[in-house]
């Protein structure tokens, strides 16, 4: 923790990393029930949306690593990833208005692509903060941020889903 808090910039980056990762994983406890309740997908079909997200992440990481980061730089790539990820959430919501399953799948692939770009940019930024002798600490911090964020996002996403079902859409949705 001493190494992570030694520099104000490193502390800010770790905070960004937590918020970014929570935001990316917040969709997991919500997406499958959303797909079942709004689009009428089966449990298998809604769980299968994760593959589209995964394919997108792989494509986004590769694209960012080979094309975007070298051209735009690490900070701009990370900023672009944040903006694209937010736009993809809007696309996922918009797909629900027409209950278009194909539009949902495309939006989830694009969300994965944006997530991959964001992740690649963030990892690249992290490596700039890392000296060779502290590289393991930063990789550990990344893992810690992932674990804390995954747990926080799962609990928060479940709460948001329940609140939405109970107060925002009490008569419209529900399994």
N, C-alpha and C. Protein backbone atom coordinates (compact mmCIF):
# COMPACT_ATOMS: atom_id res chain seq x y z
N UNK A 1 0.83 -1.20 0.00
CA UNK A 1 0.00 0.00 0.00
C UNK A 1 0.87 1.25 0.00
N UNK A 2 2.06 1.13 0.61
CA UNK A 2 2.96 2.28 0.65
C UNK A 2 3.35 2.72 -0.76
N UNK A 3 3.65 1.74 -1.61
CA UNK A 3 4.04 2.04 -2.99
C UNK A 3 2.86 2.65 -3.75
N UNK A 4 1.67 2.12 -3.52
CA UNK A 4 0.49 2.61 -4.24
C UNK A 4 0.08 4.01 -3.81
N UNK A 5 0.40 4.37 -2.58
CA UNK A 5 0.01 5.70 -2.09
C UNK A 5 1.19 6.67 -2.03
N UNK A 6 2.35 6.25 -2.52
CA UNK A 6 3.54 7.10 -2.49
C UNK A 6 3.37 8.34 -3.38
N UNK A 7 2.63 8.20 -4.43
CA UNK A 7 2.43 9.30 -5.37
C UNK A 7 0.93 9.60 -5.48
N UNK A 8 0.61 10.88 -5.49
CA UNK A 8 -0.80 11.28 -5.64
C UNK A 8 -1.37 10.75 -6.95
N UNK A 9 -0.57 10.79 -8.00
CA UNK A 9 -1.00 10.32 -9.31
C UNK A 9 -1.36 8.83 -9.27
N UNK A 10 -0.57 8.06 -8.57
CA UNK A 10 -0.83 6.62 -8.46
C UNK A 10 -2.12 6.37 -7.70
N UNK A 11 -2.35 7.11 -6.63
CA UNK A 11 -3.59 6.99 -5.86
C UNK A 11 -4.81 7.34 -6.69
N UNK A 12 -4.70 8.41 -7.46
CA UNK A 12 -5.80 8.82 -8.34
C UNK A 12 -6.06 7.74 -9.39
N UNK A 13 -4.99 7.19 -9.96
CA UNK A 13 -5.15 6.15 -10.96
C UNK A 13 -5.83 4.92 -10.36
N UNK A 14 -5.44 4.53 -9.15
CA UNK A 14 -6.05 3.37 -8.50
C UNK A 14 -7.55 3.63 -8.28
N UNK A 15 -7.91 4.85 -7.88
CA UNK A 15 -9.33 5.23 -7.74
C UNK A 15 -10.06 5.13 -9.07
N UNK A 16 -9.43 5.64 -10.13
CA UNK A 16 -10.01 5.54 -11.47
C UNK A 16 -10.22 4.09 -11.85
N UNK A 17 -9.22 3.27 -11.56
CA UNK A 17 -9.27 1.86 -11.88
C UNK A 17 -10.45 1.18 -11.18
N UNK A 18 -10.68 1.51 -9.92
CA UNK A 18 -11.81 0.95 -9.18
C UNK A 18 -13.14 1.37 -9.82
N UNK A 19 -13.30 2.65 -10.08
CA UNK A 19 -14.55 3.15 -10.67
C UNK A 19 -14.77 2.56 -12.06
N UNK A 20 -13.70 2.52 -12.86
CA UNK A 20 -13.81 1.96 -14.21
C UNK A 20 -14.26 0.50 -14.17
N UNK A 21 -13.62 -0.27 -13.31
CA UNK A 21 -13.91 -1.70 -13.27
C UNK A 21 -15.29 -1.97 -12.69
N UNK A 22 -15.68 -1.21 -11.68
CA UNK A 22 -17.05 -1.35 -11.15
C UNK A 22 -18.05 -1.04 -12.26
N UNK A 23 -17.80 0.02 -12.99
CA UNK A 23 -18.71 0.41 -14.07
C UNK A 23 -18.82 -0.67 -15.14
N UNK A 24 -17.70 -1.29 -15.49
CA UNK A 24 -17.73 -2.33 -16.52
C UNK A 24 -18.48 -3.57 -16.05
N UNK A 25 -18.27 -3.94 -14.78
CA UNK A 25 -18.89 -5.17 -14.28
C UNK A 25 -20.30 -4.96 -13.75
N UNK A 26 -20.73 -3.72 -13.62
CA UNK A 26 -22.07 -3.44 -13.10
C UNK A 26 -23.16 -4.03 -14.00
N UNK A 27 -22.86 -4.20 -15.25
CA UNK A 27 -23.85 -4.75 -16.19
C UNK A 27 -24.11 -6.23 -15.98
N UNK A 28 -23.14 -6.96 -15.41
CA UNK A 28 -23.29 -8.42 -15.33
C UNK A 28 -24.52 -8.90 -14.57
N UNK A 29 -24.81 -8.39 -13.37
CA UNK A 29 -26.01 -8.90 -12.69
C UNK A 29 -27.31 -8.37 -13.28
N UNK A 30 -27.22 -7.38 -14.16
CA UNK A 30 -28.43 -6.76 -14.71
C UNK A 30 -28.73 -7.25 -16.12
N UNK A 31 -27.70 -7.51 -16.92
CA UNK A 31 -27.89 -7.81 -18.34
C UNK A 31 -28.74 -9.06 -18.58
N UNK A 32 -28.47 -10.13 -17.88
CA UNK A 32 -29.22 -11.37 -18.13
C UNK A 32 -30.69 -11.25 -17.75
N UNK A 33 -31.03 -10.71 -16.56
CA UNK A 33 -32.46 -10.51 -16.28
C UNK A 33 -33.12 -9.54 -17.26
N UNK A 34 -32.38 -8.50 -17.66
CA UNK A 34 -32.88 -7.54 -18.65
C UNK A 34 -33.22 -8.27 -19.95
N UNK A 35 -32.32 -9.13 -20.40
CA UNK A 35 -32.54 -9.87 -21.64
C UNK A 35 -33.74 -10.80 -21.53
N UNK A 36 -33.91 -11.43 -20.38
CA UNK A 36 -35.04 -12.35 -20.20
C UNK A 36 -36.36 -11.59 -20.10
N UNK A 37 -36.37 -10.53 -19.30
CA UNK A 37 -37.63 -9.84 -19.00
C UNK A 37 -38.07 -8.90 -20.10
N UNK A 38 -37.13 -8.23 -20.76
CA UNK A 38 -37.50 -7.26 -21.79
C UNK A 38 -37.56 -7.90 -23.17
N UNK A 39 -36.65 -8.83 -23.44
CA UNK A 39 -36.55 -9.42 -24.78
C UNK A 39 -37.16 -10.81 -24.86
N UNK A 40 -37.56 -11.37 -23.71
CA UNK A 40 -38.15 -12.69 -23.69
C UNK A 40 -37.16 -13.81 -24.00
N UNK A 41 -35.89 -13.58 -23.75
CA UNK A 41 -34.88 -14.59 -24.02
C UNK A 41 -34.91 -15.67 -22.93
N UNK A 42 -34.53 -16.89 -23.29
CA UNK A 42 -34.43 -17.96 -22.30
C UNK A 42 -33.19 -17.73 -21.44
N UNK A 43 -33.06 -18.51 -20.37
CA UNK A 43 -31.89 -18.39 -19.50
C UNK A 43 -30.62 -18.68 -20.30
N UNK A 44 -30.65 -19.70 -21.13
CA UNK A 44 -29.48 -20.04 -21.95
C UNK A 44 -29.12 -18.93 -22.93
N UNK A 45 -30.13 -18.36 -23.56
CA UNK A 45 -29.88 -17.28 -24.52
C UNK A 45 -29.32 -16.03 -23.83
N UNK A 46 -29.90 -15.69 -22.67
CA UNK A 46 -29.43 -14.50 -21.96
C UNK A 46 -28.02 -14.71 -21.41
N UNK A 47 -27.73 -15.91 -20.93
CA UNK A 47 -26.37 -16.21 -20.45
C UNK A 47 -25.39 -16.18 -21.61
N UNK A 48 -25.86 -16.55 -22.79
CA UNK A 48 -25.02 -16.55 -23.99
C UNK A 48 -24.58 -15.16 -24.43
N UNK A 49 -25.20 -14.12 -23.91
CA UNK A 49 -24.78 -12.76 -24.26
C UNK A 49 -23.34 -12.49 -23.82
N UNK A 50 -22.91 -13.21 -22.78
CA UNK A 50 -21.54 -13.02 -22.29
C UNK A 50 -20.50 -13.34 -23.35
N UNK A 51 -20.80 -14.27 -24.25
CA UNK A 51 -19.83 -14.60 -25.29
C UNK A 51 -19.64 -13.42 -26.23
N UNK A 52 -20.73 -12.70 -26.51
CA UNK A 52 -20.62 -11.53 -27.39
C UNK A 52 -19.75 -10.45 -26.74
N UNK A 53 -19.96 -10.27 -25.44
CA UNK A 53 -19.14 -9.30 -24.69
C UNK A 53 -17.67 -9.74 -24.73
N UNK A 54 -17.42 -11.03 -24.51
CA UNK A 54 -16.06 -11.55 -24.52
C UNK A 54 -15.38 -11.41 -25.87
N UNK A 55 -16.10 -11.71 -26.95
CA UNK A 55 -15.54 -11.55 -28.29
C UNK A 55 -15.19 -10.08 -28.53
N UNK A 56 -16.08 -9.21 -28.11
CA UNK A 56 -15.83 -7.78 -28.27
C UNK A 56 -14.61 -7.31 -27.49
N UNK A 57 -14.46 -7.81 -26.26
CA UNK A 57 -13.29 -7.43 -25.45
C UNK A 57 -12.00 -7.84 -26.15
N UNK A 58 -11.96 -9.07 -26.63
CA UNK A 58 -10.75 -9.53 -27.32
C UNK A 58 -10.45 -8.66 -28.54
N UNK A 59 -11.48 -8.37 -29.32
CA UNK A 59 -11.29 -7.51 -30.49
C UNK A 59 -10.87 -6.10 -30.11
N UNK A 60 -11.46 -5.57 -29.05
CA UNK A 60 -11.12 -4.23 -28.60
C UNK A 60 -9.70 -4.13 -28.08
N UNK A 61 -9.28 -5.14 -27.32
CA UNK A 61 -7.91 -5.12 -26.79
C UNK A 61 -6.89 -5.21 -27.93
N UNK A 62 -7.16 -6.09 -28.90
CA UNK A 62 -6.24 -6.24 -30.03
C UNK A 62 -6.21 -4.96 -30.86
N UNK A 63 -7.37 -4.41 -31.15
CA UNK A 63 -7.44 -3.19 -31.95
C UNK A 63 -6.74 -2.04 -31.25
N UNK A 64 -6.99 -1.91 -29.95
CA UNK A 64 -6.34 -0.83 -29.20
C UNK A 64 -4.83 -1.02 -29.15
N UNK A 65 -4.40 -2.25 -28.91
CA UNK A 65 -2.97 -2.50 -28.78
C UNK A 65 -2.19 -2.28 -30.07
N UNK A 66 -2.79 -2.69 -31.18
CA UNK A 66 -2.06 -2.59 -32.45
C UNK A 66 -2.34 -1.31 -33.22
N UNK A 67 -3.50 -0.70 -33.03
CA UNK A 67 -3.86 0.44 -33.87
C UNK A 67 -4.15 1.74 -33.12
N UNK A 68 -4.89 1.65 -32.02
CA UNK A 68 -5.36 2.89 -31.39
C UNK A 68 -4.32 3.52 -30.47
N UNK A 69 -3.77 2.75 -29.54
CA UNK A 69 -2.77 3.31 -28.61
C UNK A 69 -1.57 3.88 -29.35
N UNK A 70 -1.01 3.18 -30.35
CA UNK A 70 0.14 3.76 -31.05
C UNK A 70 -0.18 5.07 -31.79
N UNK A 71 -1.43 5.23 -32.21
CA UNK A 71 -1.81 6.43 -32.97
C UNK A 71 -2.30 7.56 -32.07
N UNK A 72 -3.12 7.23 -31.08
CA UNK A 72 -3.75 8.26 -30.26
C UNK A 72 -3.07 8.49 -28.92
N UNK A 73 -2.32 7.52 -28.45
CA UNK A 73 -1.70 7.63 -27.13
C UNK A 73 -2.56 6.96 -26.07
N UNK A 74 -1.96 6.77 -24.91
CA UNK A 74 -2.61 6.00 -23.85
C UNK A 74 -3.77 6.73 -23.20
N UNK A 75 -3.57 8.00 -22.87
CA UNK A 75 -4.65 8.75 -22.22
C UNK A 75 -5.85 8.94 -23.14
N UNK A 76 -5.59 9.28 -24.38
CA UNK A 76 -6.67 9.49 -25.33
C UNK A 76 -7.42 8.18 -25.60
N UNK A 77 -6.67 7.09 -25.67
CA UNK A 77 -7.31 5.78 -25.86
C UNK A 77 -8.21 5.45 -24.68
N UNK A 78 -7.72 5.70 -23.48
CA UNK A 78 -8.52 5.43 -22.28
C UNK A 78 -9.77 6.31 -22.26
N UNK A 79 -9.61 7.56 -22.58
CA UNK A 79 -10.75 8.49 -22.64
C UNK A 79 -11.75 8.03 -23.70
N UNK A 80 -11.25 7.64 -24.87
CA UNK A 80 -12.11 7.13 -25.94
C UNK A 80 -12.86 5.89 -25.47
N UNK A 81 -12.17 4.98 -24.80
CA UNK A 81 -12.80 3.77 -24.27
C UNK A 81 -13.92 4.09 -23.30
N UNK A 82 -13.69 5.08 -22.43
CA UNK A 82 -14.74 5.50 -21.48
C UNK A 82 -15.98 6.02 -22.22
N UNK A 83 -15.75 6.88 -23.20
CA UNK A 83 -16.87 7.46 -23.95
C UNK A 83 -17.63 6.40 -24.75
N UNK A 84 -16.89 5.51 -25.41
CA UNK A 84 -17.53 4.46 -26.19
C UNK A 84 -18.31 3.50 -25.29
N UNK A 85 -17.77 3.19 -24.14
CA UNK A 85 -18.46 2.30 -23.21
C UNK A 85 -19.79 2.91 -22.76
N UNK A 86 -19.76 4.20 -22.41
CA UNK A 86 -20.99 4.88 -22.01
C UNK A 86 -22.01 4.89 -23.16
N UNK A 87 -21.53 5.14 -24.37
CA UNK A 87 -22.43 5.15 -25.54
C UNK A 87 -23.05 3.77 -25.74
N UNK A 88 -22.29 2.73 -25.49
CA UNK A 88 -22.80 1.36 -25.68
C UNK A 88 -23.89 1.02 -24.66
N UNK A 89 -23.77 1.56 -23.44
CA UNK A 89 -24.85 1.36 -22.47
C UNK A 89 -26.13 1.98 -22.99
N UNK A 90 -26.02 3.12 -23.63
CA UNK A 90 -27.19 3.78 -24.21
C UNK A 90 -27.77 2.90 -25.33
N UNK A 91 -26.91 2.29 -26.14
CA UNK A 91 -27.38 1.38 -27.20
C UNK A 91 -28.10 0.16 -26.62
N UNK A 92 -27.58 -0.38 -25.53
CA UNK A 92 -28.21 -1.54 -24.89
C UNK A 92 -29.59 -1.16 -24.38
N UNK A 93 -29.71 0.00 -23.79
CA UNK A 93 -31.01 0.48 -23.30
C UNK A 93 -31.95 0.73 -24.49
N UNK A 94 -31.43 1.37 -25.53
CA UNK A 94 -32.26 1.68 -26.70
C UNK A 94 -32.77 0.42 -27.38
N UNK A 95 -31.98 -0.63 -27.38
CA UNK A 95 -32.42 -1.90 -27.99
C UNK A 95 -33.68 -2.42 -27.29
N UNK A 96 -33.82 -2.11 -26.02
CA UNK A 96 -34.98 -2.57 -25.25
C UNK A 96 -36.28 -1.91 -25.67
N UNK A 97 -36.19 -0.68 -26.16
CA UNK A 97 -37.42 0.00 -26.57
C UNK A 97 -38.09 -0.70 -27.74
N UNK A 98 -37.29 -1.25 -28.64
CA UNK A 98 -37.85 -1.99 -29.77
C UNK A 98 -37.88 -3.49 -29.54
N UNK A 99 -37.37 -3.92 -28.40
CA UNK A 99 -37.26 -5.34 -28.05
C UNK A 99 -36.61 -6.13 -29.20
N UNK A 100 -35.57 -5.54 -29.77
CA UNK A 100 -34.87 -6.12 -30.90
C UNK A 100 -33.66 -6.91 -30.38
N UNK A 101 -33.75 -8.23 -30.39
CA UNK A 101 -32.69 -9.10 -29.87
C UNK A 101 -31.41 -8.91 -30.67
N UNK A 102 -31.51 -8.77 -31.98
CA UNK A 102 -30.31 -8.58 -32.80
C UNK A 102 -29.61 -7.28 -32.44
N UNK A 103 -30.36 -6.22 -32.21
CA UNK A 103 -29.77 -4.95 -31.80
C UNK A 103 -29.09 -5.08 -30.44
N UNK A 104 -29.69 -5.86 -29.55
CA UNK A 104 -29.08 -6.10 -28.24
C UNK A 104 -27.75 -6.81 -28.39
N UNK A 105 -27.70 -7.85 -29.20
CA UNK A 105 -26.45 -8.60 -29.40
C UNK A 105 -25.37 -7.70 -30.00
N UNK A 106 -25.74 -6.89 -30.97
CA UNK A 106 -24.78 -5.95 -31.57
C UNK A 106 -24.29 -4.95 -30.54
N UNK A 107 -25.20 -4.43 -29.72
CA UNK A 107 -24.83 -3.48 -28.68
C UNK A 107 -23.89 -4.12 -27.66
N UNK A 108 -24.12 -5.38 -27.32
CA UNK A 108 -23.26 -6.08 -26.36
C UNK A 108 -21.88 -6.33 -26.96
N UNK A 109 -21.81 -6.67 -28.25
CA UNK A 109 -20.51 -6.82 -28.91
C UNK A 109 -19.76 -5.49 -28.90
N UNK A 110 -20.47 -4.42 -29.25
CA UNK A 110 -19.85 -3.09 -29.25
C UNK A 110 -19.42 -2.69 -27.84
N UNK A 111 -20.22 -3.05 -26.84
CA UNK A 111 -19.85 -2.78 -25.45
C UNK A 111 -18.56 -3.52 -25.10
N UNK A 112 -18.43 -4.77 -25.54
CA UNK A 112 -17.20 -5.52 -25.32
C UNK A 112 -16.02 -4.88 -26.03
N UNK A 113 -16.23 -4.44 -27.26
CA UNK A 113 -15.18 -3.77 -28.03
C UNK A 113 -14.71 -2.52 -27.29
N UNK A 114 -15.66 -1.71 -26.84
CA UNK A 114 -15.33 -0.50 -26.09
C UNK A 114 -14.63 -0.84 -24.78
N UNK A 115 -15.08 -1.90 -24.10
CA UNK A 115 -14.45 -2.33 -22.85
C UNK A 115 -13.02 -2.77 -23.09
N UNK A 116 -12.77 -3.45 -24.20
CA UNK A 116 -11.41 -3.87 -24.54
C UNK A 116 -10.51 -2.69 -24.81
N UNK A 117 -11.02 -1.69 -25.52
CA UNK A 117 -10.25 -0.47 -25.79
C UNK A 117 -9.93 0.23 -24.47
N UNK A 118 -10.93 0.35 -23.62
CA UNK A 118 -10.75 1.00 -22.31
C UNK A 118 -9.73 0.24 -21.46
N UNK A 119 -9.86 -1.07 -21.41
CA UNK A 119 -8.96 -1.88 -20.59
C UNK A 119 -7.52 -1.78 -21.11
N UNK A 120 -7.34 -1.84 -22.42
CA UNK A 120 -6.00 -1.74 -22.98
C UNK A 120 -5.39 -0.37 -22.66
N UNK A 121 -6.17 0.68 -22.81
CA UNK A 121 -5.67 2.01 -22.48
C UNK A 121 -5.29 2.12 -21.01
N UNK A 122 -6.12 1.57 -20.13
CA UNK A 122 -5.86 1.65 -18.69
C UNK A 122 -4.62 0.84 -18.31
N UNK A 123 -4.45 -0.34 -18.89
CA UNK A 123 -3.26 -1.15 -18.61
C UNK A 123 -2.01 -0.41 -19.10
N UNK A 124 -2.11 0.20 -20.26
CA UNK A 124 -0.98 0.96 -20.79
C UNK A 124 -0.61 2.12 -19.86
N UNK A 125 -1.62 2.81 -19.35
CA UNK A 125 -1.36 3.89 -18.40
C UNK A 125 -0.72 3.35 -17.13
N UNK A 126 -1.20 2.21 -16.66
CA UNK A 126 -0.65 1.62 -15.44
C UNK A 126 0.83 1.31 -15.63
N UNK A 127 1.18 0.82 -16.79
CA UNK A 127 2.58 0.48 -17.04
C UNK A 127 3.47 1.72 -17.02
N UNK A 128 2.92 2.87 -17.37
CA UNK A 128 3.69 4.11 -17.29
C UNK A 128 3.99 4.49 -15.83
N UNK A 129 3.13 4.08 -14.91
CA UNK A 129 3.33 4.39 -13.50
C UNK A 129 4.28 3.42 -12.82
N UNK A 130 4.65 2.38 -13.53
CA UNK A 130 5.37 1.26 -12.93
C UNK A 130 6.86 1.33 -13.23
N UNK A 131 7.65 1.25 -12.17
CA UNK A 131 9.09 1.03 -12.31
C UNK A 131 9.30 -0.48 -12.29
N UNK A 132 10.40 -0.93 -12.86
CA UNK A 132 10.65 -2.37 -12.95
C UNK A 132 10.59 -3.06 -11.59
N UNK A 133 11.09 -2.40 -10.56
CA UNK A 133 11.13 -3.03 -9.24
C UNK A 133 9.77 -3.06 -8.54
N UNK A 134 8.78 -2.31 -9.05
CA UNK A 134 7.45 -2.32 -8.43
C UNK A 134 6.38 -2.89 -9.35
N UNK A 135 6.79 -3.47 -10.46
CA UNK A 135 5.82 -3.99 -11.44
C UNK A 135 4.87 -5.01 -10.82
N UNK A 136 5.40 -5.90 -10.00
CA UNK A 136 4.56 -6.91 -9.35
C UNK A 136 3.51 -6.30 -8.45
N UNK A 137 3.88 -5.22 -7.78
CA UNK A 137 2.93 -4.52 -6.90
C UNK A 137 1.77 -3.96 -7.70
N UNK A 138 2.08 -3.39 -8.86
CA UNK A 138 1.02 -2.81 -9.67
C UNK A 138 0.13 -3.88 -10.29
N UNK A 139 0.70 -4.98 -10.67
CA UNK A 139 -0.11 -6.09 -11.18
C UNK A 139 -1.01 -6.61 -10.06
N UNK A 140 -0.47 -6.70 -8.86
CA UNK A 140 -1.28 -7.10 -7.70
C UNK A 140 -2.38 -6.10 -7.42
N UNK A 141 -2.07 -4.80 -7.55
CA UNK A 141 -3.08 -3.76 -7.34
C UNK A 141 -4.20 -3.88 -8.37
N UNK A 142 -3.82 -4.21 -9.61
CA UNK A 142 -4.82 -4.41 -10.67
C UNK A 142 -5.73 -5.57 -10.28
N UNK A 143 -5.15 -6.66 -9.83
CA UNK A 143 -5.94 -7.82 -9.39
C UNK A 143 -6.83 -7.48 -8.22
N UNK A 144 -6.31 -6.72 -7.24
CA UNK A 144 -7.10 -6.29 -6.10
C UNK A 144 -8.27 -5.42 -6.55
N UNK A 145 -8.00 -4.48 -7.44
CA UNK A 145 -9.06 -3.62 -7.96
C UNK A 145 -10.12 -4.44 -8.69
N UNK A 146 -9.69 -5.44 -9.45
CA UNK A 146 -10.64 -6.31 -10.16
C UNK A 146 -11.54 -7.05 -9.18
N UNK A 147 -10.93 -7.63 -8.13
CA UNK A 147 -11.70 -8.41 -7.16
C UNK A 147 -12.69 -7.54 -6.39
N UNK A 148 -12.21 -6.40 -5.89
CA UNK A 148 -13.08 -5.49 -5.14
C UNK A 148 -14.19 -4.96 -6.04
N UNK A 149 -13.83 -4.61 -7.24
CA UNK A 149 -14.81 -4.06 -8.19
C UNK A 149 -15.85 -5.09 -8.60
N UNK A 150 -15.42 -6.32 -8.84
CA UNK A 150 -16.36 -7.37 -9.23
C UNK A 150 -17.39 -7.59 -8.12
N UNK A 151 -16.91 -7.68 -6.89
CA UNK A 151 -17.82 -7.89 -5.76
C UNK A 151 -18.76 -6.69 -5.58
N UNK A 152 -18.21 -5.51 -5.63
CA UNK A 152 -19.01 -4.29 -5.46
C UNK A 152 -20.04 -4.16 -6.58
N UNK A 153 -19.63 -4.43 -7.81
CA UNK A 153 -20.53 -4.32 -8.96
C UNK A 153 -21.65 -5.35 -8.88
N UNK A 154 -21.34 -6.56 -8.45
CA UNK A 154 -22.37 -7.60 -8.35
C UNK A 154 -23.42 -7.22 -7.32
N UNK A 155 -22.99 -6.78 -6.17
CA UNK A 155 -23.94 -6.39 -5.12
C UNK A 155 -24.72 -5.15 -5.54
N UNK A 156 -24.01 -4.14 -6.05
CA UNK A 156 -24.68 -2.89 -6.46
C UNK A 156 -25.63 -3.14 -7.62
N UNK A 157 -25.20 -3.93 -8.60
CA UNK A 157 -26.08 -4.24 -9.73
C UNK A 157 -27.34 -4.96 -9.29
N UNK A 158 -27.20 -5.90 -8.36
CA UNK A 158 -28.37 -6.61 -7.83
C UNK A 158 -29.32 -5.66 -7.11
N UNK A 159 -28.75 -4.75 -6.33
CA UNK A 159 -29.58 -3.76 -5.62
C UNK A 159 -30.31 -2.87 -6.62
N UNK A 160 -29.57 -2.37 -7.63
CA UNK A 160 -30.20 -1.51 -8.64
C UNK A 160 -31.31 -2.25 -9.39
N UNK A 161 -31.06 -3.52 -9.69
CA UNK A 161 -32.08 -4.33 -10.37
C UNK A 161 -33.33 -4.45 -9.50
N UNK A 162 -33.14 -4.76 -8.23
CA UNK A 162 -34.29 -4.90 -7.32
C UNK A 162 -35.02 -3.58 -7.12
N UNK A 163 -34.28 -2.49 -6.97
CA UNK A 163 -34.90 -1.17 -6.80
C UNK A 163 -35.69 -0.81 -8.05
N UNK A 164 -35.08 -1.05 -9.22
CA UNK A 164 -35.77 -0.76 -10.47
C UNK A 164 -37.05 -1.56 -10.61
N UNK A 165 -36.99 -2.83 -10.26
CA UNK A 165 -38.18 -3.68 -10.35
C UNK A 165 -39.26 -3.23 -9.39
N UNK A 166 -38.86 -2.83 -8.20
CA UNK A 166 -39.84 -2.51 -7.17
C UNK A 166 -40.44 -1.12 -7.30
N UNK A 167 -39.60 -0.14 -7.65
CA UNK A 167 -40.07 1.25 -7.61
C UNK A 167 -40.23 1.90 -8.98
N UNK A 168 -39.39 1.56 -9.93
CA UNK A 168 -39.45 2.23 -11.23
C UNK A 168 -40.42 1.53 -12.18
N UNK A 169 -40.35 0.19 -12.22
CA UNK A 169 -41.21 -0.59 -13.11
C UNK A 169 -41.95 -1.66 -12.32
N UNK A 170 -42.75 -1.30 -11.33
CA UNK A 170 -43.34 -2.32 -10.46
C UNK A 170 -44.31 -3.27 -11.16
N UNK A 171 -44.98 -2.82 -12.20
CA UNK A 171 -45.97 -3.66 -12.85
C UNK A 171 -45.54 -4.16 -14.22
N UNK A 172 -44.40 -3.68 -14.71
CA UNK A 172 -44.01 -3.99 -16.07
C UNK A 172 -43.05 -5.17 -16.18
N UNK A 173 -42.18 -5.34 -15.20
CA UNK A 173 -41.16 -6.36 -15.30
C UNK A 173 -41.26 -7.31 -14.13
N UNK A 174 -40.61 -8.42 -14.28
CA UNK A 174 -40.55 -9.39 -13.19
C UNK A 174 -40.61 -10.80 -13.71
N UNK A 175 -39.83 -11.63 -13.07
CA UNK A 175 -39.80 -13.03 -13.48
C UNK A 175 -40.81 -13.81 -12.68
